[in-house]
Structure formats: structure tokens, C-alpha cells
C-alpha atoms as a PDB file:
ATOM      1  CA  MET A   1     108.036  61.640  86.828  1.00  0.00           C
ATOM      2  CA  ARG A   2     110.883  59.802  87.009  1.00  0.00           C
ATOM      3  CA  VAL A   3     112.893  58.957  83.819  1.00  0.00           C
ATOM      4  CA  THR A   4     115.903  56.622  83.408  1.00  0.00           C
ATOM      5  CA  MET A   5     118.167  55.542  80.791  1.00  0.00           C
ATOM      6  CA  THR A   6     121.546  53.991  80.394  1.00  0.00           C
ATOM      7  CA  LEU A   7     123.614  54.082  77.230  1.00  0.00           C
ATOM      8  CA  SER A   8     126.952  52.539  76.252  1.00  0.00           C
ATOM      9  CA  LEU A   9     128.504  54.636  73.345  1.00  0.00           C
ATOM     10  CA  PRO A  10     131.733  54.158  71.219  1.00  0.00           C
ATOM     11  CA  ARG A  11     134.795  56.194  72.329  1.00  0.00           C
ATOM     12  CA  GLN A  12     134.865  58.676  69.725  1.00  0.00           C
ATOM     13  CA  PRO A  13     133.592  62.252  69.360  1.00  0.00           C
ATOM     14  CA  SER A  14     130.546  61.685  67.966  1.00  0.00           C
ATOM     15  CA  SER A  15     129.362  60.027  71.282  1.00  0.00           C
ATOM     16  CA  VAL A  16     129.426  63.329  72.789  1.00  0.00           C
ATOM     17  CA  THR A  17     126.610  64.645  70.836  1.00  0.00           C
ATOM     18  CA  ARG A  18     124.784  61.702  71.078  1.00  0.00           C
ATOM     19  CA  ALA A  19     124.731  61.837  74.531  1.00  0.00           C
ATOM     20  CA  ARG A  20     123.747  65.650  74.735  1.00  0.00           C
ATOM     21  CA  HIS A  21     120.919  64.959  72.498  1.00  0.00           C
ATOM     22  CA  VAL A  22     119.524  62.039  74.309  1.00  0.00           C
ATOM     23  CA  LEU A  23     119.538  64.252  77.528  1.00  0.00           C
ATOM     24  CA  THR A  24     117.993  66.988  76.167  1.00  0.00           C
ATOM     25  CA  THR A  25     115.321  64.780  74.545  1.00  0.00           C
ATOM     26  CA  LEU A  26     114.650  63.446  78.023  1.00  0.00           C
ATOM     27  CA  LEU A  27     114.732  66.947  79.731  1.00  0.00           C
ATOM     28  CA  SER A  28     111.969  68.090  77.063  1.00  0.00           C
ATOM     29  CA  LEU A  29     109.258  65.556  78.795  1.00  0.00           C
ATOM     30  CA  THR A  30     109.984  67.489  82.259  1.00  0.00           C
ATOM     31  CA  ASP A  31     109.219  70.962  83.351  1.00  0.00           C
ATOM     32  CA  ALA A  32     112.823  72.102  83.901  1.00  0.00           C
ATOM     33  CA  THR A  33     113.713  75.478  83.064  1.00  0.00           C
ATOM     34  CA  GLU A  34     115.941  76.950  80.159  1.00  0.00           C
ATOM     35  CA  ASP A  35     119.003  77.351  82.328  1.00  0.00           C
ATOM     36  CA  SER A  36     118.513  74.064  84.097  1.00  0.00           C
ATOM     37  CA  ARG A  37     118.427  72.210  80.769  1.00  0.00           C
ATOM     38  CA  GLY A  38     121.689  74.328  79.233  1.00  0.00           C
ATOM     39  CA  HIS A  39     123.599  73.494  82.423  1.00  0.00           C
ATOM     40  CA  LEU A  40     122.939  69.876  82.094  1.00  0.00           C
ATOM     41  CA  ALA A  41     123.585  69.807  78.474  1.00  0.00           C
ATOM     42  CA  VAL A  42     127.355  71.308  78.980  1.00  0.00           C
ATOM     43  CA  LEU A  43     127.657  69.101  81.929  1.00  0.00           C
ATOM     44  CA  ILE A  44     126.944  65.961  79.978  1.00  0.00           C
ATOM     45  CA  SER A  45     128.969  67.336  77.384  1.00  0.00           C
ATOM     46  CA  GLU A  46     132.047  68.044  79.409  1.00  0.00           C
ATOM     47  CA  ALA A  47     131.906  64.704  81.107  1.00  0.00           C
ATOM     48  CA  CYS A  48     131.688  62.826  77.999  1.00  0.00           C
ATOM     49  CA  ALA A  49     134.524  64.652  76.227  1.00  0.00           C
ATOM     50  CA  ASN A  50     136.502  63.951  78.997  1.00  0.00           C
ATOM     51  CA  ALA A  51     135.666  60.256  78.754  1.00  0.00           C
ATOM     52  CA  VAL A  52     136.232  60.129  75.265  1.00  0.00           C
ATOM     53  CA  VAL A  53     139.750  61.927  75.538  1.00  0.00           C
ATOM     54  CA  HIS A  54     141.151  60.096  78.642  1.00  0.00           C
ATOM     55  CA  ALA A  55     139.604  56.586  78.499  1.00  0.00           C
ATOM     56  CA  ASP A  56     141.698  53.631  77.966  1.00  0.00           C
ATOM     57  CA  PRO A  57     141.561  52.348  74.084  1.00  0.00           C
ATOM     58  CA  GLY A  58     138.740  50.162  73.444  1.00  0.00           C
ATOM     59  CA  SER A  59     136.716  51.315  76.238  1.00  0.00           C
ATOM     60  CA  THR A  60     133.251  52.714  76.013  1.00  0.00           C
ATOM     61  CA  VAL A  61     131.639  55.538  77.453  1.00  0.00           C
ATOM     62  CA  ASP A  62     128.872  54.437  79.695  1.00  0.00           C
ATOM     63  CA  ILE A  63     126.065  56.893  80.670  1.00  0.00           C
ATOM     64  CA  ALA A  64     123.279  56.592  83.283  1.00  0.00           C
ATOM     65  CA  ILE A  65     120.290  59.261  83.259  1.00  0.00           C
ATOM     66  CA  VAL A  66     118.191  59.642  86.164  1.00  0.00           C
ATOM     67  CA  ILE A  67     115.641  62.441  85.972  1.00  0.00           C
ATOM     68  CA  ASP A  68     113.213  62.713  89.224  1.00  0.00           C
ATOM     69  CA  ASP A  69     110.661  65.396  89.613  1.00  0.00           C
ATOM     70  CA  ASP A  70     113.411  68.062  90.906  1.00  0.00           C
ATOM     71  CA  SER A  71     116.952  66.732  90.059  1.00  0.00           C
ATOM     72  CA  CYS A  72     118.754  64.986  87.684  1.00  0.00           C
ATOM     73  CA  LEU A  73     121.511  62.605  88.040  1.00  0.00           C
ATOM     74  CA  LEU A  74     124.254  61.948  85.401  1.00  0.00           C
ATOM     75  CA  GLU A  75     127.028  59.180  85.845  1.00  0.00           C
ATOM     76  CA  VAL A  76     129.611  59.046  83.078  1.00  0.00           C
ATOM     77  CA  GLY A  77     132.041  55.998  83.158  1.00  0.00           C
ATOM     78  CA  ASN A  78     134.849  54.207  81.154  1.00  0.00           C
ATOM     79  CA  ARG A  79     137.918  52.306  81.556  1.00  0.00           C
ATOM     80  CA  GLY A  80     140.955  54.267  82.832  1.00  0.00           C
ATOM     81  CA  SER A  81     142.050  55.517  85.893  1.00  0.00           C
ATOM     82  CA  THR A  82     140.308  58.096  88.367  1.00  0.00           C
ATOM     83  CA  PRO A  83     142.325  61.574  88.859  1.00  0.00           C
ATOM     84  CA  ASP A  84     141.146  61.744  92.566  1.00  0.00           C
ATOM     85  CA  ALA A  85     138.764  58.918  93.636  1.00  0.00           C
ATOM     86  CA  GLY A  86     135.879  60.045  96.042  1.00  0.00           C
ATOM     87  CA  VAL A  87     137.054  63.371  96.072  1.00  0.00           C
ATOM     88  CA  GLY A  88     134.813  66.295  94.796  1.00  0.00           C
ATOM     89  CA  LEU A  89     135.865  68.469  91.912  1.00  0.00           C
ATOM     90  CA  ASP A  90     137.419  72.107  92.240  1.00  0.00           C
ATOM     91  CA  ALA A  91     135.806  75.020  90.427  1.00  0.00           C
ATOM     92  CA  ARG A  92     138.911  76.832  90.013  1.00  0.00           C
ATOM     93  CA  LEU A  93     140.683  76.721  86.744  1.00  0.00           C
ATOM     94  CA  PRO A  94     144.129  75.182  86.515  1.00  0.00           C
ATOM     95  CA  ALA A  95     147.243  77.528  86.855  1.00  0.00           C
ATOM     96  CA  PRO A  96     148.802  77.765  84.097  1.00  0.00           C
ATOM     97  CA  LEU A  97     145.774  77.881  82.333  1.00  0.00           C
ATOM     98  CA  THR A  98     146.600  75.601  78.962  1.00  0.00           C
ATOM     99  CA  VAL A  99     144.529  74.314  76.164  1.00  0.00           C
ATOM    100  CA  GLY A 100     142.809  71.541  78.106  1.00  0.00           C
ATOM    101  CA  GLY A 101     142.247  71.392  81.765  1.00  0.00           C
ATOM    102  CA  ARG A 102     138.820  73.534  81.725  1.00  0.00           C
ATOM    103  CA  GLY A 103     136.184  70.887  81.707  1.00  0.00           C
ATOM    104  CA  LEU A 104     136.175  69.299  85.399  1.00  0.00           C
ATOM    105  CA  PRO A 105     136.188  73.076  86.548  1.00  0.00           C
ATOM    106  CA  LEU A 106     133.477  73.931  84.492  1.00  0.00           C
ATOM    107  CA  ILE A 107     131.524  70.927  85.942  1.00  0.00           C
ATOM    108  CA  ALA A 108     132.278  71.815  89.467  1.00  0.00           C
ATOM    109  CA  ALA A 109     130.942  75.110  88.700  1.00  0.00           C
ATOM    110  CA  LEU A 110     128.025  74.274  87.326  1.00  0.00           C
ATOM    111  CA  ALA A 111     126.726  71.107  88.821  1.00  0.00           C
ATOM    112  CA  ASP A 112     125.539  70.949  92.621  1.00  0.00           C
ATOM    113  CA  THR A 113     127.722  67.980  93.106  1.00  0.00           C
ATOM    114  CA  ALA A 114     130.446  66.360  91.236  1.00  0.00           C
ATOM    115  CA  ALA A 115     132.698  63.759  92.141  1.00  0.00           C
ATOM    116  CA  PHE A 116     134.426  60.527  91.010  1.00  0.00           C
ATOM    117  CA  VAL A 117     133.015  57.706  92.812  1.00  0.00           C
ATOM    118  CA  ALA A 118     134.456  54.124  93.530  1.00  0.00           C
ATOM    119  CA  GLY A 119     133.510  51.918  90.609  1.00  0.00           C
ATOM    120  CA  PRO A 120     134.524  48.803  89.232  1.00  0.00           C
ATOM    121  CA  PRO A 121     138.379  48.063  89.278  1.00  0.00           C
ATOM    122  CA  ASP A 122     139.964  50.130  86.387  1.00  0.00           C
ATOM    123  CA  HIS A 123     137.237  52.217  85.850  1.00  0.00           C
ATOM    124  CA  VAL A 124     136.197  55.732  86.040  1.00  0.00           C
ATOM    125  CA  LEU A 125     133.032  57.015  87.056  1.00  0.00           C
ATOM    126  CA  LEU A 126     131.943  60.473  87.374  1.00  0.00           C
ATOM    127  CA  ARG A 127     128.743  61.314  89.189  1.00  0.00           C
ATOM    128  CA  ILE A 128     126.971  64.495  88.673  1.00  0.00           C
ATOM    129  CA  THR A 129     123.755  65.817  90.437  1.00  0.00           C
ATOM    130  CA  LYS A 130     121.938  68.942  89.361  1.00  0.00           C
ATOM    131  CA  HIS A 131     118.508  70.616  91.184  1.00  0.00           C
ATOM    132  CA  LEU A 132     115.839  71.103  88.284  1.00  0.00           C
ATOM    133  CA  ALA A 133     114.527  74.694  88.505  1.00  0.00           C
ATOM    134  CA  ASN A 134     110.801  74.267  87.157  1.00  0.00           C
ATOM    135  CA  THR A 135     108.997  76.572  84.931  1.00  0.00           C
END
């Protein structure tokens, strides 16, 4: 089965919840395990929260979800600047540990792959892949 969806949500905190609900609804159509579903819910929540916090004012949070038989691809984009374009994420927590700074290491730890990729000028695009374990 292949399921795809694109969303363009406003840059506001409630968009994080909306994105997570859409993804969990789409995953309910698959045989993905609860662990896979839970990891993906965290992944989209963290990626969208980062987009909401760090996007340029007036930007939208643009999301693409592609679910294939054994994998899920998430792309979360917005207008802004990329921390390290084309570089994979690091699962280590920042030192010193502050209030923020845990989202990208959490994404790196839970995803099979996660990296900022080239997109349109002045846009940030985070691409995340996760293998789906089936029940």
C-alpha cells in the first residue's frame, strides 16, 4: 500500500498537534507496529515544533508524508535558514544542556535517516525516514 499526503499548516503551535493527528490516522491504515507509530508521532511532533519555533514570520509549515509498505518518509519545510544543509543530524545532546536543543538529537536517535536537504532558496527542508516494523 502507498499513501501520500501534503499539508501546509500555519506557523502556530496547534499545527504540531494537527500534523501528528494526520500522521497517526494515516498509519492506522497500515500494519505498522505500535512502536513504529509511536516513534513517528514523536518524529513529526519534534520536526513540526522546530519549524514553528524557528521559521521566518509569516511562513507556513509544509509537510509531506509518504508511507510505503515498509517505510515512512516525512518532509517538514518552512521559510528560514538551515542549520547545516545536507548534513545528517547528531544524536548527542548539546552541552551544556539547556531548555531547548533536544529536538534534533531526539529525531536523530529515533529516525533511520534524518538530514536537512537542499530546497528552494531561503527554505529549510528536513527529510526523515523510518522503517516500519509490521505486526
